[in-house]
Amino acid sequence: MFDDVFSLSYMMRYLFAALAVVIVWLIARKSVDSIRGDMVYRVKPIPGFWLISSMTSAENGQYSSVRLPLYHTTYIGRASSCDIRIRRSDLAARHVMIYLYDGVWFLKPVGRFAPVYLNGVRIKPATPLESGDRIVIGNYEVVFVADTDPEVQHLLAQSAVGEYNWESYSEENGNVAVRGSLGPWILVNLFAAAASWLTYSLIPEGMIALQMMLPIAMIAVI
């Protein structure tokens, strides 16, 4: 009788381990899907909205209009952490923030001594933006535009989409760089590896095959 109880308890150990594996796998997959969706949303530009900027070409010194992308939250300034980085002495490290909230775009100065002008008027609190608004930070001017606004179609038609990256920051595009829209796959894979390791640690040592296959399956599914 005791042998039967012992055998049953031993089998239940593996049953609970397998159940724990399934639960952790489902939770990890749902969490990663949520994180991936949120991160992709925040690292990719919002379609249909731009900043139009006049820049000097490094080749011929001529001015040309260029579209700068806007993200859900866009920081502009001299710092390398900014989404749009501009090498100008009259800009603060983080000078201004443009963000989308509840369907409305806002402009907000970040630095205490970072003057920001909207249509010729200096602003301090967060101020709603409308298509065609002119923004001046230091001596640098951009125009906020929406694709659907008929009044700014001529600006869009005359501008080129800037494909700026950190590598060309100091050589091209009037010392302006825009962060790349790289997917958050590195963080996602790290999360998947961590989830796999936690699940792996829950499996009894005797189930070697499952220990070896689970991390591969987790990352493949995610």
N, C-alpha and C. Protein backbone atom coordinates (compact mmCIF):
# COMPACT_ATOMS: atom_id res chain seq x y z
N MET A 1 0.83 -1.21 0.00
CA MET A 1 0.00 0.00 0.00
C MET A 1 0.86 1.25 0.00
N PHE A 2 1.86 1.21 0.89
CA PHE A 2 2.76 2.37 0.94
C PHE A 2 3.52 2.55 -0.36
N ASP A 3 3.83 1.42 -1.01
CA ASP A 3 4.52 1.52 -2.30
C ASP A 3 3.64 2.18 -3.34
N ASP A 4 2.33 1.86 -3.30
CA ASP A 4 1.41 2.48 -4.25
C ASP A 4 1.29 3.98 -4.01
N VAL A 5 1.22 4.34 -2.72
CA VAL A 5 1.13 5.77 -2.39
C VAL A 5 2.39 6.50 -2.83
N PHE A 6 3.53 5.86 -2.60
CA PHE A 6 4.80 6.47 -2.99
C PHE A 6 4.88 6.64 -4.51
N SER A 7 4.46 5.60 -5.23
CA SER A 7 4.49 5.67 -6.69
C SER A 7 3.55 6.75 -7.21
N LEU A 8 2.36 6.83 -6.57
CA LEU A 8 1.39 7.84 -6.99
C LEU A 8 1.92 9.24 -6.75
N SER A 9 2.53 9.45 -5.58
CA SER A 9 3.08 10.77 -5.27
C SER A 9 4.23 11.12 -6.21
N TYR A 10 5.00 10.10 -6.59
CA TYR A 10 6.11 10.34 -7.52
C TYR A 10 5.59 10.74 -8.89
N MET A 11 4.50 10.09 -9.32
CA MET A 11 3.91 10.43 -10.61
C MET A 11 3.27 11.82 -10.57
N MET A 12 2.65 12.14 -9.42
CA MET A 12 2.01 13.46 -9.29
C MET A 12 3.05 14.57 -9.37
N ARG A 13 4.27 14.26 -8.94
CA ARG A 13 5.34 15.26 -9.01
C ARG A 13 5.57 15.69 -10.45
N TYR A 14 5.63 14.71 -11.34
CA TYR A 14 5.84 15.02 -12.75
C TYR A 14 4.62 15.68 -13.37
N LEU A 15 3.44 15.27 -12.90
CA LEU A 15 2.22 15.87 -13.42
C LEU A 15 2.15 17.35 -13.08
N PHE A 16 2.45 17.68 -11.81
CA PHE A 16 2.44 19.08 -11.40
C PHE A 16 3.54 19.88 -12.11
N ALA A 17 4.69 19.23 -12.32
CA ALA A 17 5.77 19.92 -13.04
C ALA A 17 5.35 20.25 -14.47
N ALA A 18 4.69 19.28 -15.12
CA ALA A 18 4.22 19.52 -16.49
C ALA A 18 3.17 20.61 -16.52
N LEU A 19 2.26 20.60 -15.52
CA LEU A 19 1.23 21.63 -15.44
C LEU A 19 1.85 23.01 -15.22
N ALA A 20 2.88 23.06 -14.37
CA ALA A 20 3.56 24.33 -14.13
C ALA A 20 4.23 24.85 -15.39
N VAL A 21 4.80 23.93 -16.17
CA VAL A 21 5.43 24.31 -17.43
C VAL A 21 4.42 24.95 -18.37
N VAL A 22 3.25 24.32 -18.49
CA VAL A 22 2.21 24.84 -19.38
C VAL A 22 1.75 26.22 -18.92
N ILE A 23 1.52 26.38 -17.62
CA ILE A 23 1.04 27.66 -17.09
C ILE A 23 2.07 28.76 -17.32
N VAL A 24 3.33 28.48 -16.99
CA VAL A 24 4.38 29.48 -17.18
C VAL A 24 4.54 29.83 -18.65
N TRP A 25 4.46 28.84 -19.51
CA TRP A 25 4.59 29.07 -20.96
C TRP A 25 3.48 29.98 -21.46
N LEU A 26 2.23 29.72 -21.03
CA LEU A 26 1.10 30.54 -21.47
C LEU A 26 1.22 31.97 -20.96
N ILE A 27 1.63 32.12 -19.70
CA ILE A 27 1.79 33.46 -19.13
C ILE A 27 2.91 34.20 -19.84
N ALA A 28 4.03 33.51 -20.07
CA ALA A 28 5.17 34.15 -20.73
C ALA A 28 4.81 34.58 -22.14
N ARG A 29 4.10 33.72 -22.87
CA ARG A 29 3.75 34.06 -24.24
C ARG A 29 2.83 35.27 -24.29
N LYS A 30 1.84 35.30 -23.39
CA LYS A 30 0.91 36.43 -23.37
C LYS A 30 1.63 37.72 -22.98
N SER A 31 2.54 37.62 -22.01
CA SER A 31 3.29 38.80 -21.57
C SER A 31 4.18 39.33 -22.67
N VAL A 32 4.88 38.43 -23.36
CA VAL A 32 5.77 38.85 -24.44
C VAL A 32 4.98 39.48 -25.58
N ASP A 33 3.83 38.92 -25.92
CA ASP A 33 2.99 39.50 -26.97
C ASP A 33 2.58 40.92 -26.61
N SER A 34 2.22 41.11 -25.33
CA SER A 34 1.81 42.43 -24.87
C SER A 34 2.98 43.41 -24.92
N ILE A 35 4.15 42.96 -24.43
CA ILE A 35 5.33 43.83 -24.44
C ILE A 35 5.74 44.16 -25.85
N ARG A 36 5.73 43.15 -26.73
CA ARG A 36 6.13 43.37 -28.11
C ARG A 36 5.22 44.40 -28.79
N GLY A 37 3.91 44.26 -28.60
CA GLY A 37 2.98 45.20 -29.22
C GLY A 37 3.18 46.61 -28.71
N ASP A 38 3.39 46.75 -27.40
CA ASP A 38 3.58 48.08 -26.83
C ASP A 38 4.87 48.70 -27.29
N MET A 39 5.95 47.90 -27.35
CA MET A 39 7.24 48.44 -27.73
C MET A 39 7.28 48.81 -29.20
N VAL A 40 6.69 47.95 -30.06
CA VAL A 40 6.65 48.27 -31.48
C VAL A 40 5.87 49.55 -31.71
N TYR A 41 4.78 49.72 -30.95
CA TYR A 41 3.97 50.93 -31.08
C TYR A 41 4.78 52.17 -30.75
N ARG A 42 5.66 52.05 -29.76
CA ARG A 42 6.39 53.23 -29.30
C ARG A 42 7.68 53.49 -30.07
N VAL A 43 8.23 52.49 -30.73
CA VAL A 43 9.48 52.72 -31.44
C VAL A 43 9.29 53.04 -32.91
N LYS A 44 8.09 52.88 -33.42
CA LYS A 44 7.83 53.19 -34.82
C LYS A 44 7.18 54.56 -34.95
N PRO A 45 7.52 55.31 -36.00
CA PRO A 45 6.90 56.62 -36.20
C PRO A 45 5.39 56.52 -36.37
N ILE A 46 4.69 57.55 -35.92
CA ILE A 46 3.25 57.63 -36.11
C ILE A 46 2.99 58.04 -37.56
N PRO A 47 2.28 57.26 -38.34
CA PRO A 47 2.06 57.60 -39.75
C PRO A 47 1.18 58.83 -39.91
N GLY A 48 1.50 59.64 -40.93
CA GLY A 48 0.65 60.77 -41.27
C GLY A 48 1.01 62.08 -40.61
N PHE A 49 2.04 62.09 -39.74
CA PHE A 49 2.42 63.33 -39.05
C PHE A 49 3.93 63.53 -39.18
N TRP A 50 4.32 64.78 -39.44
CA TRP A 50 5.73 65.08 -39.71
C TRP A 50 6.11 66.44 -39.13
N LEU A 51 7.41 66.62 -39.02
CA LEU A 51 7.99 67.95 -38.86
C LEU A 51 8.73 68.26 -40.15
N ILE A 52 8.41 69.39 -40.78
CA ILE A 52 9.09 69.80 -42.00
C ILE A 52 10.20 70.76 -41.61
N SER A 53 11.41 70.44 -42.01
CA SER A 53 12.57 71.25 -41.64
C SER A 53 13.39 71.59 -42.87
N SER A 54 13.93 72.81 -42.90
CA SER A 54 14.85 73.20 -43.96
C SER A 54 16.27 72.92 -43.48
N MET A 55 17.00 72.16 -44.28
CA MET A 55 18.36 71.77 -43.90
C MET A 55 19.34 72.08 -45.00
N THR A 56 20.58 72.24 -44.62
CA THR A 56 21.63 72.51 -45.59
C THR A 56 22.28 71.20 -46.01
N SER A 57 22.36 70.99 -47.31
CA SER A 57 23.01 69.80 -47.83
C SER A 57 24.51 69.91 -47.66
N ALA A 58 25.15 68.82 -47.25
CA ALA A 58 26.60 68.82 -47.07
C ALA A 58 27.32 68.89 -48.42
N GLU A 59 26.61 68.54 -49.50
CA GLU A 59 27.26 68.48 -50.81
C GLU A 59 27.33 69.84 -51.50
N ASN A 60 26.18 70.53 -51.55
CA ASN A 60 26.17 71.78 -52.32
C ASN A 60 25.82 73.02 -51.50
N GLY A 61 25.55 72.84 -50.21
CA GLY A 61 25.24 73.98 -49.37
C GLY A 61 23.87 74.58 -49.60
N GLN A 62 23.03 73.93 -50.40
CA GLN A 62 21.70 74.43 -50.69
C GLN A 62 20.70 73.94 -49.64
N TYR A 63 19.64 74.73 -49.48
CA TYR A 63 18.60 74.34 -48.54
C TYR A 63 17.58 73.43 -49.21
N SER A 64 17.10 72.47 -48.48
CA SER A 64 16.05 71.60 -48.97
C SER A 64 15.13 71.24 -47.82
N SER A 65 13.86 71.05 -48.13
CA SER A 65 12.89 70.69 -47.10
C SER A 65 12.91 69.19 -46.87
N VAL A 66 12.91 68.82 -45.61
CA VAL A 66 13.00 67.42 -45.24
C VAL A 66 11.94 67.11 -44.20
N ARG A 67 11.33 65.94 -44.30
CA ARG A 67 10.35 65.49 -43.32
C ARG A 67 11.05 64.71 -42.20
N LEU A 68 10.79 65.09 -40.98
CA LEU A 68 11.30 64.37 -39.82
C LEU A 68 10.14 63.62 -39.18
N PRO A 69 10.30 62.35 -38.89
CA PRO A 69 9.18 61.56 -38.34
C PRO A 69 8.88 61.92 -36.90
N LEU A 70 7.66 61.66 -36.50
CA LEU A 70 7.23 61.87 -35.12
C LEU A 70 6.84 60.53 -34.52
N TYR A 71 7.27 60.32 -33.29
CA TYR A 71 6.93 59.11 -32.56
C TYR A 71 5.83 59.43 -31.55
N HIS A 72 5.37 58.43 -30.84
CA HIS A 72 4.34 58.66 -29.82
C HIS A 72 4.81 59.73 -28.84
N THR A 73 6.08 59.67 -28.47
CA THR A 73 6.73 60.72 -27.68
C THR A 73 8.07 61.00 -28.34
N THR A 74 8.28 62.23 -28.76
CA THR A 74 9.49 62.61 -29.50
C THR A 74 10.25 63.68 -28.74
N TYR A 75 11.48 63.36 -28.35
CA TYR A 75 12.35 64.35 -27.71
C TYR A 75 13.29 64.93 -28.77
N ILE A 76 13.46 66.24 -28.72
CA ILE A 76 14.35 66.93 -29.65
C ILE A 76 15.38 67.71 -28.84
N GLY A 77 16.66 67.58 -29.22
CA GLY A 77 17.71 68.30 -28.52
C GLY A 77 19.08 67.82 -28.97
N ARG A 78 20.11 68.18 -28.19
CA ARG A 78 21.49 67.83 -28.56
C ARG A 78 21.90 66.45 -28.05
N ALA A 79 21.21 65.93 -27.05
CA ALA A 79 21.64 64.68 -26.42
C ALA A 79 21.45 63.49 -27.35
N SER A 80 22.33 62.51 -27.20
CA SER A 80 22.23 61.30 -28.03
C SER A 80 21.00 60.48 -27.70
N SER A 81 20.40 60.72 -26.55
CA SER A 81 19.19 59.99 -26.17
C SER A 81 17.93 60.56 -26.82
N CYS A 82 18.05 61.69 -27.49
CA CYS A 82 16.88 62.31 -28.12
C CYS A 82 16.45 61.51 -29.36
N ASP A 83 15.17 61.58 -29.67
CA ASP A 83 14.66 60.91 -30.86
C ASP A 83 15.08 61.65 -32.12
N ILE A 84 15.08 62.97 -32.05
CA ILE A 84 15.63 63.81 -33.13
C ILE A 84 16.77 64.61 -32.52
N ARG A 85 17.98 64.30 -32.93
CA ARG A 85 19.16 64.91 -32.35
C ARG A 85 19.70 65.97 -33.29
N ILE A 86 19.89 67.18 -32.76
CA ILE A 86 20.33 68.31 -33.57
C ILE A 86 21.56 68.92 -32.92
N ARG A 87 22.64 68.99 -33.66
CA ARG A 87 23.88 69.52 -33.11
C ARG A 87 23.92 71.03 -33.32
N ARG A 88 23.42 71.73 -32.33
CA ARG A 88 23.42 73.20 -32.36
C ARG A 88 23.68 73.70 -30.95
N SER A 89 24.51 74.73 -30.85
CA SER A 89 24.88 75.25 -29.53
C SER A 89 23.72 75.96 -28.84
N ASP A 90 22.72 76.39 -29.61
CA ASP A 90 21.60 77.12 -29.02
C ASP A 90 20.47 76.19 -28.56
N LEU A 91 20.70 74.89 -28.60
CA LEU A 91 19.72 73.92 -28.13
C LEU A 91 20.20 73.25 -26.85
N ALA A 92 19.26 72.96 -25.96
CA ALA A 92 19.59 72.23 -24.75
C ALA A 92 19.74 70.75 -25.07
N ALA A 93 20.30 70.00 -24.12
CA ALA A 93 20.47 68.57 -24.33
C ALA A 93 19.13 67.91 -24.66
N ARG A 94 18.13 68.22 -23.88
CA ARG A 94 16.75 67.84 -24.19
C ARG A 94 15.95 69.13 -24.17
N HIS A 95 15.63 69.61 -25.35
CA HIS A 95 15.07 70.95 -25.46
C HIS A 95 13.54 70.95 -25.43
N VAL A 96 12.95 70.06 -26.19
CA VAL A 96 11.49 70.09 -26.32
C VAL A 96 10.96 68.67 -26.52
N MET A 97 9.71 68.48 -26.15
CA MET A 97 9.05 67.19 -26.31
C MET A 97 7.75 67.39 -27.08
N ILE A 98 7.52 66.54 -28.07
CA ILE A 98 6.26 66.53 -28.81
C ILE A 98 5.64 65.16 -28.58
N TYR A 99 4.42 65.14 -28.09
CA TYR A 99 3.83 63.84 -27.76
C TYR A 99 2.35 63.81 -28.13
N LEU A 100 1.86 62.59 -28.32
CA LEU A 100 0.47 62.35 -28.69
C LEU A 100 -0.28 61.84 -27.47
N TYR A 101 -1.36 62.55 -27.12
CA TYR A 101 -2.16 62.15 -25.96
C TYR A 101 -3.64 62.27 -26.29
N ASP A 102 -4.33 61.16 -26.19
CA ASP A 102 -5.77 61.13 -26.42
C ASP A 102 -6.15 61.73 -27.78
N GLY A 103 -5.33 61.41 -28.78
CA GLY A 103 -5.62 61.86 -30.14
C GLY A 103 -5.18 63.27 -30.47
N VAL A 104 -4.54 63.95 -29.52
CA VAL A 104 -4.11 65.34 -29.72
C VAL A 104 -2.60 65.42 -29.54
N TRP A 105 -1.93 66.14 -30.44
CA TRP A 105 -0.49 66.36 -30.33
C TRP A 105 -0.21 67.57 -29.44
N PHE A 106 0.80 67.45 -28.60
CA PHE A 106 1.18 68.54 -27.69
C PHE A 106 2.66 68.86 -27.86
N LEU A 107 2.97 70.13 -27.63
CA LEU A 107 4.35 70.63 -27.63
C LEU A 107 4.67 71.11 -26.23
N LYS A 108 5.80 70.65 -25.68
CA LYS A 108 6.14 71.01 -24.31
C LYS A 108 7.63 71.24 -24.16
N PRO A 109 8.04 72.43 -23.67
CA PRO A 109 9.46 72.65 -23.38
C PRO A 109 9.92 71.70 -22.27
N VAL A 110 11.13 71.21 -22.40
CA VAL A 110 11.65 70.27 -21.40
C VAL A 110 12.58 70.98 -20.43
N GLY A 111 13.55 71.70 -20.97
CA GLY A 111 14.51 72.39 -20.12
C GLY A 111 13.93 73.67 -19.53
N ARG A 112 14.42 74.01 -18.36
CA ARG A 112 13.95 75.24 -17.71
C ARG A 112 14.39 76.47 -18.48
N PHE A 113 15.58 76.40 -19.07
CA PHE A 113 16.11 77.52 -19.85
C PHE A 113 16.16 77.15 -21.33
N ALA A 114 15.12 76.49 -21.79
CA ALA A 114 15.04 76.07 -23.18
C ALA A 114 13.85 76.76 -23.84
N PRO A 115 14.06 77.95 -24.41
CA PRO A 115 12.94 78.67 -25.01
C PRO A 115 12.36 77.94 -26.21
N VAL A 116 11.05 77.89 -26.24
CA VAL A 116 10.33 77.26 -27.35
C VAL A 116 9.23 78.22 -27.79
N TYR A 117 9.17 78.48 -29.10
CA TYR A 117 8.18 79.40 -29.64
C TYR A 117 7.23 78.66 -30.57
N LEU A 118 5.95 78.93 -30.39
CA LEU A 118 4.92 78.35 -31.24
C LEU A 118 4.19 79.49 -31.95
N ASN A 119 4.37 79.55 -33.27
CA ASN A 119 3.79 80.63 -34.08
C ASN A 119 4.17 82.01 -33.55
N GLY A 120 5.43 82.13 -33.13
CA GLY A 120 5.96 83.42 -32.68
C GLY A 120 5.73 83.73 -31.23
N VAL A 121 5.05 82.87 -30.48
CA VAL A 121 4.74 83.12 -29.07
C VAL A 121 5.46 82.08 -28.22
N ARG A 122 6.20 82.57 -27.22
CA ARG A 122 6.91 81.64 -26.36
C ARG A 122 5.92 80.89 -25.47
N ILE A 123 6.12 79.58 -25.35
CA ILE A 123 5.24 78.76 -24.52
C ILE A 123 6.04 78.11 -23.40
N LYS A 124 5.35 77.82 -22.31
CA LYS A 124 5.97 77.11 -21.19
C LYS A 124 5.22 75.83 -20.84
N PRO A 125 3.89 75.90 -20.66
CA PRO A 125 3.19 74.63 -20.42
C PRO A 125 2.98 73.87 -21.72
N ALA A 126 2.54 72.64 -21.60
CA ALA A 126 2.22 71.84 -22.79
C ALA A 126 1.10 72.52 -23.56
N THR A 127 1.29 72.65 -24.87
CA THR A 127 0.35 73.38 -25.72
C THR A 127 -0.07 72.50 -26.90
N PRO A 128 -1.38 72.43 -27.20
CA PRO A 128 -1.83 71.61 -28.34
C PRO A 128 -1.27 72.13 -29.66
N LEU A 129 -1.01 71.20 -30.56
CA LEU A 129 -0.50 71.54 -31.89
C LEU A 129 -1.57 71.34 -32.94
N GLU A 130 -1.52 72.18 -33.97
CA GLU A 130 -2.38 72.03 -35.14
C GLU A 130 -1.51 72.01 -36.38
N SER A 131 -1.98 71.33 -37.40
CA SER A 131 -1.21 71.25 -38.64
C SER A 131 -0.94 72.64 -39.19
N GLY A 132 0.31 72.87 -39.56
CA GLY A 132 0.73 74.17 -40.07
C GLY A 132 1.39 75.05 -39.03
N ASP A 133 1.38 74.62 -37.76
CA ASP A 133 2.03 75.40 -36.70
C ASP A 133 3.53 75.43 -36.92
N ARG A 134 4.11 76.60 -36.65
CA ARG A 134 5.56 76.77 -36.77
C ARG A 134 6.18 76.74 -35.39
N ILE A 135 7.19 75.90 -35.26
CA ILE A 135 7.86 75.70 -33.98
C ILE A 135 9.30 76.17 -34.11
N VAL A 136 9.74 77.00 -33.18
CA VAL A 136 11.12 77.49 -33.18
C VAL A 136 11.75 77.09 -31.85
N ILE A 137 12.85 76.34 -31.93
CA ILE A 137 13.63 75.97 -30.75
C ILE A 137 15.04 76.50 -30.96
N GLY A 138 15.45 77.41 -30.11
CA GLY A 138 16.69 78.13 -30.37
C GLY A 138 16.50 78.96 -31.62
N ASN A 139 17.34 78.72 -32.62
CA ASN A 139 17.17 79.36 -33.93
C ASN A 139 16.79 78.34 -35.00
N TYR A 140 16.26 77.22 -34.56
CA TYR A 140 15.93 76.14 -35.48
C TYR A 140 14.42 76.07 -35.63
N GLU A 141 13.95 76.10 -36.87
CA GLU A 141 12.50 76.15 -37.11
C GLU A 141 12.02 74.91 -37.86
N VAL A 142 10.89 74.39 -37.42
CA VAL A 142 10.22 73.28 -38.10
C VAL A 142 8.73 73.59 -38.17
N VAL A 143 8.05 72.91 -39.07
CA VAL A 143 6.60 73.07 -39.22
C VAL A 143 5.94 71.72 -38.95
N PHE A 144 4.96 71.73 -38.07
CA PHE A 144 4.20 70.51 -37.76
C PHE A 144 3.10 70.34 -38.80
N VAL A 145 3.07 69.20 -39.47
CA VAL A 145 2.09 68.99 -40.53
C VAL A 145 1.43 67.62 -40.39
N ALA A 146 0.20 67.56 -40.89
CA ALA A 146 -0.55 66.30 -40.99
C ALA A 146 -0.85 66.03 -42.44
N ASP A 147 -0.75 64.78 -42.85
CA ASP A 147 -0.98 64.42 -44.25
C ASP A 147 -2.37 64.82 -44.73
N THR A 148 -3.33 64.84 -43.83
CA THR A 148 -4.72 65.09 -44.22
C THR A 148 -5.06 66.57 -44.36
N ASP A 149 -4.15 67.45 -44.00
CA ASP A 149 -4.41 68.89 -44.06
C ASP A 149 -4.15 69.41 -45.47
N PRO A 150 -5.17 69.90 -46.18
CA PRO A 150 -4.95 70.40 -47.54
C PRO A 150 -4.09 71.65 -47.60
N GLU A 151 -4.01 72.38 -46.49
CA GLU A 151 -3.25 73.63 -46.47
C GLU A 151 -1.74 73.41 -46.49
N VAL A 152 -1.29 72.22 -46.18
CA VAL A 152 0.16 71.98 -46.11
C VAL A 152 0.63 70.99 -47.17
N GLN A 153 -0.22 70.69 -48.13
CA GLN A 153 0.16 69.72 -49.15
C GLN A 153 1.36 70.19 -49.96
N HIS A 154 1.49 71.50 -50.14
CA HIS A 154 2.64 72.01 -50.90
C HIS A 154 3.94 71.77 -50.15
N LEU A 155 3.88 71.82 -48.81
CA LEU A 155 5.08 71.55 -48.02
C LEU A 155 5.47 70.08 -48.13
N LEU A 156 4.48 69.22 -48.09
CA LEU A 156 4.76 67.80 -48.21
C LEU A 156 5.30 67.46 -49.60
N ALA A 157 4.73 68.10 -50.61
CA ALA A 157 5.15 67.82 -51.99
C ALA A 157 6.59 68.27 -52.24
N GLN A 158 7.01 69.32 -51.55
CA GLN A 158 8.35 69.88 -51.77
C GLN A 158 9.41 69.26 -50.86
N SER A 159 9.00 68.39 -49.97
CA SER A 159 9.94 67.84 -49.00
C SER A 159 10.25 66.38 -49.31
N ALA A 160 11.40 65.97 -48.85
CA ALA A 160 11.82 64.57 -49.01
C ALA A 160 11.79 63.90 -47.65
N VAL A 161 11.52 62.61 -47.64
CA VAL A 161 11.51 61.87 -46.39
C VAL A 161 12.95 61.63 -45.96
N GLY A 162 13.31 62.12 -44.79
CA GLY A 162 14.67 61.95 -44.30
C GLY A 162 14.90 60.57 -43.74
N GLU A 163 15.92 59.91 -44.25
CA GLU A 163 16.30 58.60 -43.71
C GLU A 163 17.63 58.76 -42.97
N TYR A 164 17.55 59.42 -41.84
CA TYR A 164 18.76 59.75 -41.10
C TYR A 164 19.05 58.67 -40.06
N ASN A 165 20.29 58.48 -39.78
CA ASN A 165 20.67 57.53 -38.75
C ASN A 165 21.88 58.08 -38.00
N TRP A 166 22.22 57.41 -36.91
CA TRP A 166 23.30 57.92 -36.07
C TRP A 166 24.65 57.87 -36.77
N GLU A 167 24.83 56.94 -37.71
CA GLU A 167 26.11 56.83 -38.40
C GLU A 167 26.38 58.06 -39.27
N SER A 168 25.34 58.64 -39.85
CA SER A 168 25.53 59.78 -40.73
C SER A 168 25.34 61.10 -39.99
N TYR A 169 25.27 61.03 -38.67
CA TYR A 169 24.93 62.21 -37.87
C TYR A 169 25.87 63.38 -38.10
N SER A 170 27.17 63.14 -38.07
CA SER A 170 28.13 64.24 -38.13
C SER A 170 28.51 64.63 -39.55
N GLU A 171 28.14 63.81 -40.53
CA GLU A 171 28.57 64.09 -41.90
C GLU A 171 27.46 64.65 -42.79
N GLU A 172 26.21 64.30 -42.52
CA GLU A 172 25.15 64.64 -43.46
C GLU A 172 23.99 65.35 -42.78
N ASN A 173 23.10 65.87 -43.63
CA ASN A 173 21.79 66.32 -43.20
C ASN A 173 21.81 67.47 -42.19
N GLY A 174 22.78 68.35 -42.32
CA GLY A 174 22.79 69.51 -41.45
C GLY A 174 22.93 69.16 -39.99
N ASN A 175 23.69 68.14 -39.67
CA ASN A 175 23.92 67.72 -38.30
C ASN A 175 22.64 67.34 -37.58
N VAL A 176 21.76 66.65 -38.27
CA VAL A 176 20.52 66.15 -37.68
C VAL A 176 20.48 64.64 -37.82
N ALA A 177 20.06 63.97 -36.78
CA ALA A 177 19.93 62.51 -36.84
C ALA A 177 18.60 62.11 -36.24
N VAL A 178 18.00 61.08 -36.79
CA VAL A 178 16.75 60.53 -36.29
C VAL A 178 16.99 59.10 -35.90
N ARG A 179 16.45 58.70 -34.77
CA ARG A 179 16.68 57.33 -34.32
C ARG A 179 16.09 56.34 -35.31
N GLY A 180 16.72 55.17 -35.42
CA GLY A 180 16.23 54.13 -36.31
C GLY A 180 15.01 53.45 -35.72
N SER A 181 14.15 52.93 -36.58
CA SER A 181 12.94 52.24 -36.15
C SER A 181 13.19 50.74 -36.04
N LEU A 182 14.16 50.36 -35.24
CA LEU A 182 14.49 48.95 -35.08
C LEU A 182 13.47 48.28 -34.17
N GLY A 183 13.07 47.09 -34.53
CA GLY A 183 12.13 46.35 -33.71
C GLY A 183 12.76 45.95 -32.39
N PRO A 184 11.94 45.76 -31.36
CA PRO A 184 12.47 45.44 -30.03
C PRO A 184 12.75 43.96 -29.86
N TRP A 185 13.32 43.34 -30.91
CA TRP A 185 13.45 41.89 -30.85
C TRP A 185 14.51 41.44 -29.85
N ILE A 186 15.53 42.24 -29.61
CA ILE A 186 16.56 41.84 -28.65
C ILE A 186 15.96 41.69 -27.26
N LEU A 187 15.18 42.70 -26.83
CA LEU A 187 14.56 42.64 -25.52
C LEU A 187 13.54 41.50 -25.44
N VAL A 188 12.81 41.32 -26.52
CA VAL A 188 11.83 40.23 -26.54
C VAL A 188 12.52 38.89 -26.37
N ASN A 189 13.63 38.70 -27.08
CA ASN A 189 14.34 37.43 -26.98
C ASN A 189 14.96 37.23 -25.61
N LEU A 190 15.44 38.31 -25.00
CA LEU A 190 15.96 38.21 -23.64
C LEU A 190 14.87 37.78 -22.68
N PHE A 191 13.68 38.38 -22.86
CA PHE A 191 12.55 38.02 -22.02
C PHE A 191 12.19 36.55 -22.21
N ALA A 192 12.21 36.11 -23.47
CA ALA A 192 11.88 34.72 -23.76
C ALA A 192 12.90 33.78 -23.13
N ALA A 193 14.17 34.16 -23.19
CA ALA A 193 15.21 33.33 -22.60
C ALA A 193 15.05 33.24 -21.09
N ALA A 194 14.69 34.38 -20.46
CA ALA A 194 14.48 34.38 -19.02
C ALA A 194 13.30 33.50 -18.64
N ALA A 195 12.21 33.60 -19.42
CA ALA A 195 11.05 32.76 -19.15
C ALA A 195 11.39 31.28 -19.33
N SER A 196 12.19 30.98 -20.34
CA SER A 196 12.59 29.60 -20.57
C SER A 196 13.43 29.07 -19.41
N TRP A 197 14.31 29.92 -18.91
CA TRP A 197 15.17 29.49 -17.81
C TRP A 197 14.35 29.22 -16.55
N LEU A 198 13.35 30.08 -16.28
CA LEU A 198 12.51 29.86 -15.11
C LEU A 198 11.73 28.56 -15.23
N THR A 199 11.20 28.33 -16.43
CA THR A 199 10.45 27.09 -16.65
C THR A 199 11.38 25.88 -16.54
N TYR A 200 12.56 26.01 -17.09
CA TYR A 200 13.56 24.94 -17.06
C TYR A 200 13.88 24.54 -15.63
N SER A 201 13.95 25.53 -14.74
CA SER A 201 14.31 25.25 -13.35
C SER A 201 13.20 24.52 -12.60
N LEU A 202 11.97 24.58 -13.13
CA LEU A 202 10.85 23.92 -12.46
C LEU A 202 10.74 22.44 -12.82
N ILE A 203 11.42 22.02 -13.88
CA ILE A 203 11.28 20.65 -14.36
C ILE A 203 12.23 19.73 -13.59
N PRO A 204 11.76 18.60 -13.11
CA PRO A 204 12.64 17.65 -12.41
C PRO A 204 13.80 17.22 -13.29
N GLU A 205 14.91 16.89 -12.66
CA GLU A 205 16.12 16.55 -13.39
C GLU A 205 15.94 15.33 -14.29
N GLY A 206 15.04 14.45 -13.95
CA GLY A 206 14.87 13.24 -14.73
C GLY A 206 14.30 13.49 -16.11
N MET A 207 13.63 14.61 -16.30
CA MET A 207 12.99 14.90 -17.59
C MET A 207 13.95 15.70 -18.46
N ILE A 208 15.07 15.07 -18.83
CA ILE A 208 16.15 15.76 -19.54
C ILE A 208 15.70 16.22 -20.92
N ALA A 209 14.95 15.38 -21.63
CA ALA A 209 14.53 15.74 -22.98
C ALA A 209 13.68 17.00 -22.97
N LEU A 210 12.75 17.08 -21.99
CA LEU A 210 11.89 18.26 -21.90
C LEU A 210 12.70 19.48 -21.52
N GLN A 211 13.71 19.30 -20.66
CA GLN A 211 14.58 20.41 -20.28
C GLN A 211 15.30 20.98 -21.49
N MET A 212 15.72 20.10 -22.39
CA MET A 212 16.48 20.55 -23.56
C MET A 212 15.58 21.19 -24.61
N MET A 213 14.37 20.69 -24.76
CA MET A 213 13.50 21.16 -25.83
C MET A 213 12.73 22.42 -25.47
N LEU A 214 12.43 22.61 -24.19
CA LEU A 214 11.56 23.71 -23.81
C LEU A 214 12.10 25.09 -24.16
N PRO A 215 13.38 25.41 -23.85
CA PRO A 215 13.88 26.75 -24.23
C PRO A 215 13.80 27.00 -25.72
N ILE A 216 14.11 25.99 -26.52
CA ILE A 216 14.05 26.16 -27.97
C ILE A 216 12.62 26.42 -28.41
N ALA A 217 11.68 25.65 -27.85
CA ALA A 217 10.27 25.82 -28.23
C ALA A 217 9.74 27.17 -27.81
N MET A 218 10.13 27.65 -26.63
CA MET A 218 9.65 28.94 -26.14
C MET A 218 10.07 30.06 -27.07
N ILE A 219 11.35 30.11 -27.42
CA ILE A 219 11.86 31.18 -28.28
C ILE A 219 11.28 31.07 -29.68
N ALA A 220 11.12 29.85 -30.17
CA ALA A 220 10.57 29.67 -31.52
C ALA A 220 9.14 30.17 -31.59
N VAL A 221 8.34 29.87 -30.57
CA VAL A 221 6.94 30.29 -30.58
C VAL A 221 6.83 31.79 -30.43
N ILE A 222 7.65 32.37 -29.57
CA ILE A 222 7.60 33.82 -29.35
C ILE A 222 8.15 34.56 -30.54
